[in-house]
């Protein structure tokens, strides 16, 4: 996958986020196209993994209605679907963690665990703690 159009804004992407974004693009998403955006970076558009199967024809099923967009405020990739044809893709954008959770629960838990090990989950971060650690306290 070509990542040459990553802007300096998107260069804030963590190595963990980059690894999971590339995994999504290479293994989970279909009909992907990288598109330049106005601020100099790029976004990826693709067939929505949640609602594209609802199309009445092959052409409708292959429409690129979903996207991964860089969000500077969240310092993360955000999933958005213009069609919003299923509960998983309606209700606004999802963070990378939310998108992973809707797509593959085990993959999302692995992502949260890696983020937890790097100290980037919980309050003040855009990723919750791994499910297996919720409620676990460390202390004296």
N, C-alpha and C. Protein backbone atom coordinates (compact mmCIF):
# COMPACT_ATOMS: atom_id res chain seq x y z
N UNK A 1 0.85 -1.18 0.00
CA UNK A 1 0.00 0.00 0.00
C UNK A 1 0.89 1.23 0.00
N UNK A 2 0.58 2.18 -0.85
CA UNK A 2 1.36 3.41 -0.97
C UNK A 2 1.02 4.35 0.18
N UNK A 3 2.00 4.74 0.94
CA UNK A 3 1.77 5.69 2.04
C UNK A 3 2.58 6.96 1.81
N UNK A 4 2.95 7.23 0.57
CA UNK A 4 3.81 8.36 0.25
C UNK A 4 3.14 9.70 0.47
N UNK A 5 1.81 9.76 0.50
CA UNK A 5 1.13 11.03 0.64
C UNK A 5 0.84 11.39 2.10
N UNK A 6 1.42 10.71 3.05
CA UNK A 6 1.21 11.03 4.45
C UNK A 6 1.78 12.42 4.72
N UNK A 7 0.96 13.31 5.27
CA UNK A 7 1.40 14.67 5.53
C UNK A 7 2.12 14.76 6.86
N UNK A 8 2.69 15.94 7.15
CA UNK A 8 3.35 16.13 8.44
C UNK A 8 2.33 16.03 9.57
N UNK A 9 1.09 16.43 9.31
CA UNK A 9 0.05 16.28 10.33
C UNK A 9 -0.16 14.80 10.64
N UNK A 10 -0.22 13.99 9.60
CA UNK A 10 -0.45 12.57 9.78
C UNK A 10 0.79 11.86 10.30
N UNK A 11 1.93 12.51 10.25
CA UNK A 11 3.14 11.87 10.74
C UNK A 11 3.11 11.72 12.26
N UNK A 12 2.11 12.32 12.91
CA UNK A 12 1.92 12.13 14.35
C UNK A 12 1.34 10.75 14.65
N UNK A 13 1.01 10.01 13.61
CA UNK A 13 0.46 8.68 13.77
C UNK A 13 1.46 7.80 14.51
N UNK A 14 0.99 7.12 15.53
CA UNK A 14 1.88 6.25 16.30
C UNK A 14 2.24 5.02 15.48
N UNK A 15 3.36 4.38 15.79
CA UNK A 15 3.72 3.14 15.08
C UNK A 15 2.65 2.06 15.23
N UNK A 16 1.99 2.01 16.38
CA UNK A 16 0.93 1.02 16.59
C UNK A 16 -0.25 1.31 15.67
N UNK A 17 -0.68 2.59 15.63
CA UNK A 17 -1.78 2.96 14.75
C UNK A 17 -1.44 2.69 13.29
N UNK A 18 -0.21 3.00 12.90
CA UNK A 18 0.21 2.76 11.52
C UNK A 18 0.13 1.26 11.18
N UNK A 19 0.61 0.42 12.08
CA UNK A 19 0.59 -1.03 11.84
C UNK A 19 -0.85 -1.54 11.66
N UNK A 20 -1.76 -1.08 12.52
CA UNK A 20 -3.14 -1.54 12.43
C UNK A 20 -3.86 -0.93 11.23
N UNK A 21 -3.55 0.32 10.88
CA UNK A 21 -4.14 0.93 9.69
C UNK A 21 -3.72 0.14 8.45
N UNK A 22 -2.44 -0.17 8.35
CA UNK A 22 -1.96 -0.94 7.20
C UNK A 22 -2.56 -2.34 7.17
N UNK A 23 -2.74 -2.94 8.34
CA UNK A 23 -3.37 -4.26 8.41
C UNK A 23 -4.81 -4.19 7.88
N UNK A 24 -5.54 -3.14 8.29
CA UNK A 24 -6.90 -2.96 7.78
C UNK A 24 -6.90 -2.83 6.27
N UNK A 25 -6.03 -1.96 5.75
CA UNK A 25 -6.00 -1.70 4.32
C UNK A 25 -5.59 -2.93 3.52
N UNK A 26 -4.69 -3.72 4.04
CA UNK A 26 -4.18 -4.87 3.30
C UNK A 26 -5.00 -6.14 3.48
N UNK A 27 -5.71 -6.29 4.60
CA UNK A 27 -6.36 -7.57 4.88
C UNK A 27 -7.87 -7.51 5.07
N UNK A 28 -8.43 -6.38 5.49
CA UNK A 28 -9.83 -6.34 5.88
C UNK A 28 -10.74 -5.55 4.94
N UNK A 29 -10.20 -4.57 4.24
CA UNK A 29 -11.03 -3.67 3.44
C UNK A 29 -10.93 -3.99 1.96
N UNK A 30 -11.99 -3.65 1.22
CA UNK A 30 -12.06 -3.98 -0.21
C UNK A 30 -12.24 -2.71 -1.04
N UNK A 31 -11.76 -2.79 -2.28
CA UNK A 31 -11.95 -1.71 -3.24
C UNK A 31 -11.35 -0.39 -2.72
N UNK A 32 -10.12 -0.44 -2.28
CA UNK A 32 -9.46 0.69 -1.62
C UNK A 32 -8.82 1.63 -2.64
N UNK A 33 -8.94 2.92 -2.36
CA UNK A 33 -8.28 3.93 -3.19
C UNK A 33 -7.75 5.02 -2.27
N UNK A 34 -6.47 5.38 -2.44
CA UNK A 34 -5.88 6.47 -1.68
C UNK A 34 -6.16 7.77 -2.43
N UNK A 35 -6.64 8.78 -1.70
CA UNK A 35 -7.04 10.04 -2.31
C UNK A 35 -6.37 11.19 -1.56
N UNK A 36 -5.75 12.15 -2.29
CA UNK A 36 -5.17 13.31 -1.61
C UNK A 36 -6.28 14.20 -1.05
N UNK A 37 -5.99 14.86 0.06
CA UNK A 37 -6.95 15.80 0.66
C UNK A 37 -6.35 17.20 0.66
N UNK A 38 -7.19 18.19 0.88
CA UNK A 38 -6.81 19.60 0.72
C UNK A 38 -5.61 20.01 1.56
N UNK A 39 -5.46 19.49 2.76
CA UNK A 39 -4.38 19.95 3.63
C UNK A 39 -3.05 19.25 3.36
N UNK A 40 -2.98 18.45 2.32
CA UNK A 40 -1.71 17.85 1.93
C UNK A 40 -1.52 16.40 2.32
N UNK A 41 -2.43 15.83 3.03
CA UNK A 41 -2.30 14.43 3.42
C UNK A 41 -3.08 13.54 2.47
N UNK A 42 -3.56 12.46 2.99
CA UNK A 42 -4.36 11.55 2.18
C UNK A 42 -5.43 10.90 3.04
N UNK A 43 -6.42 10.36 2.37
CA UNK A 43 -7.43 9.53 3.03
C UNK A 43 -7.59 8.30 2.18
N UNK A 44 -8.17 7.28 2.75
CA UNK A 44 -8.43 6.05 2.03
C UNK A 44 -9.94 5.87 1.95
N UNK A 45 -10.44 5.66 0.74
CA UNK A 45 -11.86 5.39 0.55
C UNK A 45 -12.00 3.94 0.10
N UNK A 46 -13.12 3.31 0.48
CA UNK A 46 -13.30 1.89 0.23
C UNK A 46 -14.76 1.52 0.38
N UNK A 47 -15.10 0.32 -0.02
CA UNK A 47 -16.45 -0.20 0.19
C UNK A 47 -16.63 -0.44 1.68
N UNK A 48 -17.76 0.00 2.21
CA UNK A 48 -18.00 -0.14 3.65
C UNK A 48 -18.09 -1.63 4.01
N UNK A 49 -17.30 -2.07 4.99
CA UNK A 49 -17.35 -3.48 5.38
C UNK A 49 -18.65 -3.86 6.10
N UNK A 50 -19.45 -2.86 6.49
CA UNK A 50 -20.66 -3.14 7.26
C UNK A 50 -21.94 -3.08 6.42
N UNK A 51 -21.98 -2.21 5.41
CA UNK A 51 -23.24 -2.06 4.67
C UNK A 51 -23.13 -2.23 3.16
N UNK A 52 -21.94 -2.40 2.63
CA UNK A 52 -21.83 -2.51 1.16
C UNK A 52 -22.54 -3.76 0.62
N UNK A 53 -22.63 -4.82 1.41
CA UNK A 53 -23.29 -6.05 0.95
C UNK A 53 -24.78 -5.84 0.72
N UNK A 54 -25.34 -4.73 1.22
CA UNK A 54 -26.77 -4.45 1.06
C UNK A 54 -27.12 -3.91 -0.33
N UNK A 55 -26.11 -3.56 -1.13
CA UNK A 55 -26.37 -3.03 -2.47
C UNK A 55 -27.10 -4.03 -3.34
N UNK A 56 -28.00 -3.53 -4.18
CA UNK A 56 -28.81 -4.41 -5.04
C UNK A 56 -28.05 -4.94 -6.24
N UNK A 57 -26.98 -4.26 -6.62
CA UNK A 57 -26.20 -4.72 -7.77
C UNK A 57 -24.73 -4.77 -7.38
N UNK A 58 -23.93 -5.44 -8.20
CA UNK A 58 -22.48 -5.52 -7.94
C UNK A 58 -21.87 -4.13 -7.92
N UNK A 59 -22.32 -3.26 -8.82
CA UNK A 59 -21.80 -1.88 -8.87
C UNK A 59 -22.10 -1.15 -7.56
N UNK A 60 -23.30 -1.31 -7.03
CA UNK A 60 -23.66 -0.66 -5.76
C UNK A 60 -22.85 -1.25 -4.60
N UNK A 61 -22.60 -2.55 -4.63
CA UNK A 61 -21.81 -3.19 -3.56
C UNK A 61 -20.36 -2.74 -3.61
N UNK A 62 -19.87 -2.32 -4.76
CA UNK A 62 -18.48 -1.89 -4.90
C UNK A 62 -18.28 -0.39 -4.74
N UNK A 63 -19.34 0.36 -4.50
CA UNK A 63 -19.19 1.80 -4.32
C UNK A 63 -18.32 2.11 -3.11
N UNK A 64 -17.46 3.08 -3.27
CA UNK A 64 -16.58 3.50 -2.17
C UNK A 64 -17.31 4.57 -1.36
N UNK A 65 -18.03 4.16 -0.34
CA UNK A 65 -18.80 5.07 0.50
C UNK A 65 -18.19 5.29 1.87
N UNK A 66 -17.16 4.52 2.21
CA UNK A 66 -16.52 4.62 3.53
C UNK A 66 -15.12 5.19 3.37
N UNK A 67 -14.60 5.75 4.46
CA UNK A 67 -13.26 6.36 4.41
C UNK A 67 -12.57 6.29 5.76
N UNK A 68 -11.24 6.28 5.70
CA UNK A 68 -10.39 6.52 6.87
C UNK A 68 -9.80 7.89 6.67
N UNK A 69 -10.08 8.80 7.60
CA UNK A 69 -9.64 10.19 7.52
C UNK A 69 -8.81 10.53 8.74
N UNK A 70 -7.80 11.37 8.56
CA UNK A 70 -6.98 11.79 9.69
C UNK A 70 -7.70 12.91 10.44
N UNK A 71 -7.78 12.80 11.77
CA UNK A 71 -8.39 13.83 12.61
C UNK A 71 -7.32 14.41 13.52
N UNK A 72 -6.95 15.67 13.29
CA UNK A 72 -5.91 16.32 14.09
C UNK A 72 -6.28 16.44 15.57
N UNK A 73 -7.56 16.71 15.86
CA UNK A 73 -7.98 16.89 17.25
C UNK A 73 -7.84 15.60 18.05
N UNK A 74 -8.17 14.48 17.43
CA UNK A 74 -8.06 13.19 18.11
C UNK A 74 -6.70 12.55 17.91
N UNK A 75 -5.91 13.12 17.01
CA UNK A 75 -4.60 12.57 16.66
C UNK A 75 -4.74 11.09 16.30
N UNK A 76 -5.74 10.83 15.44
CA UNK A 76 -6.07 9.45 15.10
C UNK A 76 -6.79 9.39 13.77
N UNK A 77 -6.84 8.20 13.21
CA UNK A 77 -7.66 7.95 12.03
C UNK A 77 -9.10 7.76 12.47
N UNK A 78 -10.03 8.25 11.65
CA UNK A 78 -11.46 8.14 11.94
C UNK A 78 -12.14 7.46 10.76
N UNK A 79 -12.97 6.48 11.06
CA UNK A 79 -13.77 5.80 10.05
C UNK A 79 -15.09 6.52 9.89
N UNK A 80 -15.50 6.71 8.65
CA UNK A 80 -16.79 7.33 8.36
C UNK A 80 -17.41 6.65 7.15
N UNK A 81 -18.72 6.45 7.19
CA UNK A 81 -19.45 5.86 6.06
C UNK A 81 -20.55 6.84 5.64
N UNK A 82 -20.53 7.23 4.37
CA UNK A 82 -21.53 8.18 3.87
C UNK A 82 -22.91 7.52 3.72
N UNK A 83 -22.94 6.24 3.50
CA UNK A 83 -24.21 5.53 3.30
C UNK A 83 -24.94 5.29 4.62
N UNK A 84 -24.22 4.95 5.67
CA UNK A 84 -24.77 4.70 7.00
C UNK A 84 -25.91 3.68 6.95
N UNK A 85 -25.66 2.59 6.24
CA UNK A 85 -26.70 1.59 6.02
C UNK A 85 -26.81 0.50 7.05
N UNK A 86 -25.97 0.52 8.08
CA UNK A 86 -26.06 -0.50 9.12
C UNK A 86 -25.76 0.15 10.48
N UNK A 87 -26.13 -0.50 11.57
CA UNK A 87 -25.86 0.08 12.90
C UNK A 87 -24.36 0.32 13.16
N UNK A 88 -23.50 -0.52 12.59
CA UNK A 88 -22.05 -0.37 12.81
C UNK A 88 -21.47 0.86 12.13
N UNK A 89 -22.10 1.34 11.06
CA UNK A 89 -21.52 2.48 10.35
C UNK A 89 -22.37 3.74 10.46
N UNK A 90 -23.43 3.73 11.24
CA UNK A 90 -24.23 4.93 11.44
C UNK A 90 -23.80 5.61 12.74
N UNK A 91 -24.28 6.80 12.95
CA UNK A 91 -24.00 7.49 14.20
C UNK A 91 -22.70 8.28 14.21
N UNK A 92 -22.18 8.68 13.08
CA UNK A 92 -20.98 9.50 13.04
C UNK A 92 -19.71 8.69 12.93
N UNK A 93 -18.59 9.39 12.97
CA UNK A 93 -17.29 8.75 12.80
C UNK A 93 -16.88 7.90 13.99
N UNK A 94 -16.04 6.94 13.72
CA UNK A 94 -15.50 6.08 14.78
C UNK A 94 -13.99 6.24 14.80
N UNK A 95 -13.42 6.27 15.99
CA UNK A 95 -11.96 6.27 16.10
C UNK A 95 -11.44 4.95 15.54
N UNK A 96 -10.15 4.88 15.35
CA UNK A 96 -9.55 3.63 14.87
C UNK A 96 -9.92 2.48 15.81
N UNK A 97 -9.88 2.72 17.10
CA UNK A 97 -10.23 1.68 18.08
C UNK A 97 -11.69 1.26 17.95
N UNK A 98 -12.58 2.23 17.76
CA UNK A 98 -14.00 1.92 17.59
C UNK A 98 -14.27 1.16 16.31
N UNK A 99 -13.57 1.53 15.24
CA UNK A 99 -13.71 0.84 13.96
C UNK A 99 -13.23 -0.60 14.08
N UNK A 100 -12.08 -0.79 14.72
CA UNK A 100 -11.57 -2.14 14.93
C UNK A 100 -12.54 -2.97 15.76
N UNK A 101 -13.13 -2.37 16.80
CA UNK A 101 -14.09 -3.08 17.67
C UNK A 101 -15.30 -3.54 16.89
N UNK A 102 -15.79 -2.70 15.98
CA UNK A 102 -16.96 -3.07 15.18
C UNK A 102 -16.62 -4.12 14.13
N UNK A 103 -15.39 -4.10 13.65
CA UNK A 103 -14.97 -4.99 12.57
C UNK A 103 -14.52 -6.37 13.06
N UNK A 104 -13.70 -6.39 14.13
CA UNK A 104 -13.11 -7.64 14.61
C UNK A 104 -12.76 -7.47 16.08
N UNK A 105 -13.55 -8.04 16.96
CA UNK A 105 -13.39 -7.86 18.40
C UNK A 105 -12.00 -8.29 18.89
N UNK A 106 -11.51 -9.42 18.40
CA UNK A 106 -10.20 -9.92 18.83
C UNK A 106 -9.08 -8.98 18.37
N UNK A 107 -9.17 -8.50 17.14
CA UNK A 107 -8.17 -7.56 16.63
C UNK A 107 -8.18 -6.27 17.46
N UNK A 108 -9.37 -5.80 17.81
CA UNK A 108 -9.49 -4.59 18.62
C UNK A 108 -8.87 -4.79 20.01
N UNK A 109 -9.09 -5.95 20.59
CA UNK A 109 -8.51 -6.22 21.92
C UNK A 109 -6.98 -6.28 21.84
N UNK A 110 -6.45 -6.86 20.78
CA UNK A 110 -5.00 -6.87 20.59
C UNK A 110 -4.46 -5.45 20.44
N UNK A 111 -5.17 -4.61 19.70
CA UNK A 111 -4.80 -3.20 19.53
C UNK A 111 -4.78 -2.48 20.88
N UNK A 112 -5.86 -2.66 21.65
CA UNK A 112 -5.93 -2.02 22.98
C UNK A 112 -4.81 -2.50 23.89
N UNK A 113 -4.48 -3.79 23.81
CA UNK A 113 -3.40 -4.33 24.65
C UNK A 113 -2.06 -3.71 24.26
N UNK A 114 -1.80 -3.58 22.96
CA UNK A 114 -0.55 -2.94 22.52
C UNK A 114 -0.51 -1.48 22.97
N UNK A 115 -1.63 -0.80 22.84
CA UNK A 115 -1.68 0.60 23.28
C UNK A 115 -1.49 0.70 24.79
N UNK A 116 -2.06 -0.26 25.54
CA UNK A 116 -1.90 -0.26 27.00
C UNK A 116 -0.43 -0.44 27.37
N UNK A 117 0.24 -1.37 26.71
CA UNK A 117 1.66 -1.60 26.97
C UNK A 117 2.50 -0.37 26.66
N UNK A 118 2.07 0.44 25.70
CA UNK A 118 2.82 1.65 25.36
C UNK A 118 2.39 2.85 26.22
N UNK A 119 1.41 2.64 27.11
CA UNK A 119 0.96 3.70 28.01
C UNK A 119 0.03 4.71 27.37
N UNK A 120 -0.68 4.31 26.31
CA UNK A 120 -1.55 5.26 25.60
C UNK A 120 -3.01 4.81 25.57
N UNK A 121 -3.52 4.37 26.72
CA UNK A 121 -4.94 4.05 26.84
C UNK A 121 -5.49 4.75 28.07
N UNK A 122 -6.81 4.80 28.14
CA UNK A 122 -7.46 5.37 29.31
C UNK A 122 -7.65 6.87 29.22
N UNK A 123 -7.86 7.49 30.36
CA UNK A 123 -8.16 8.91 30.42
C UNK A 123 -7.05 9.73 29.75
N UNK A 124 -7.48 10.67 28.91
CA UNK A 124 -6.53 11.52 28.21
C UNK A 124 -6.03 10.94 26.89
N UNK A 125 -6.51 9.75 26.53
CA UNK A 125 -6.11 9.10 25.28
C UNK A 125 -7.36 8.72 24.49
N UNK A 126 -7.18 8.40 23.21
CA UNK A 126 -8.31 8.06 22.35
C UNK A 126 -8.56 6.56 22.25
N UNK A 127 -8.15 5.83 23.28
CA UNK A 127 -8.31 4.38 23.29
C UNK A 127 -8.56 3.92 24.72
N UNK A 128 -9.60 3.12 24.90
CA UNK A 128 -9.88 2.61 26.25
C UNK A 128 -8.93 1.46 26.60
N UNK A 129 -8.91 1.10 27.84
CA UNK A 129 -8.06 0.00 28.30
C UNK A 129 -8.58 -1.32 27.75
N UNK A 130 -7.71 -2.31 27.62
CA UNK A 130 -8.17 -3.63 27.17
C UNK A 130 -9.24 -4.19 28.09
N UNK A 131 -10.19 -4.92 27.54
CA UNK A 131 -11.30 -5.49 28.29
C UNK A 131 -10.78 -6.37 29.42
N UNK A 132 -9.74 -7.14 29.15
CA UNK A 132 -9.23 -8.06 30.17
C UNK A 132 -8.61 -7.34 31.36
N UNK A 133 -8.36 -6.03 31.23
CA UNK A 133 -7.75 -5.27 32.32
C UNK A 133 -8.68 -4.27 32.98
N UNK A 134 -9.89 -4.13 32.48
CA UNK A 134 -10.84 -3.18 33.06
C UNK A 134 -11.16 -3.62 34.48
N UNK A 135 -11.03 -2.72 35.40
CA UNK A 135 -11.29 -3.01 36.81
C UNK A 135 -10.10 -3.53 37.55
N UNK A 136 -9.00 -3.81 36.87
CA UNK A 136 -7.78 -4.29 37.52
C UNK A 136 -7.04 -3.08 38.06
N UNK A 137 -6.66 -3.15 39.30
CA UNK A 137 -5.89 -2.04 39.87
C UNK A 137 -4.52 -2.54 40.28
N UNK A 138 -3.60 -1.63 40.22
CA UNK A 138 -2.27 -1.93 40.73
C UNK A 138 -2.03 -0.97 41.87
N UNK A 139 -1.54 -1.43 42.91
CA UNK A 139 -1.34 -0.54 44.04
C UNK A 139 -0.77 -1.30 45.22
N UNK A 140 -0.60 -0.51 46.26
CA UNK A 140 0.00 -1.12 47.45
C UNK A 140 -1.02 -1.41 48.49
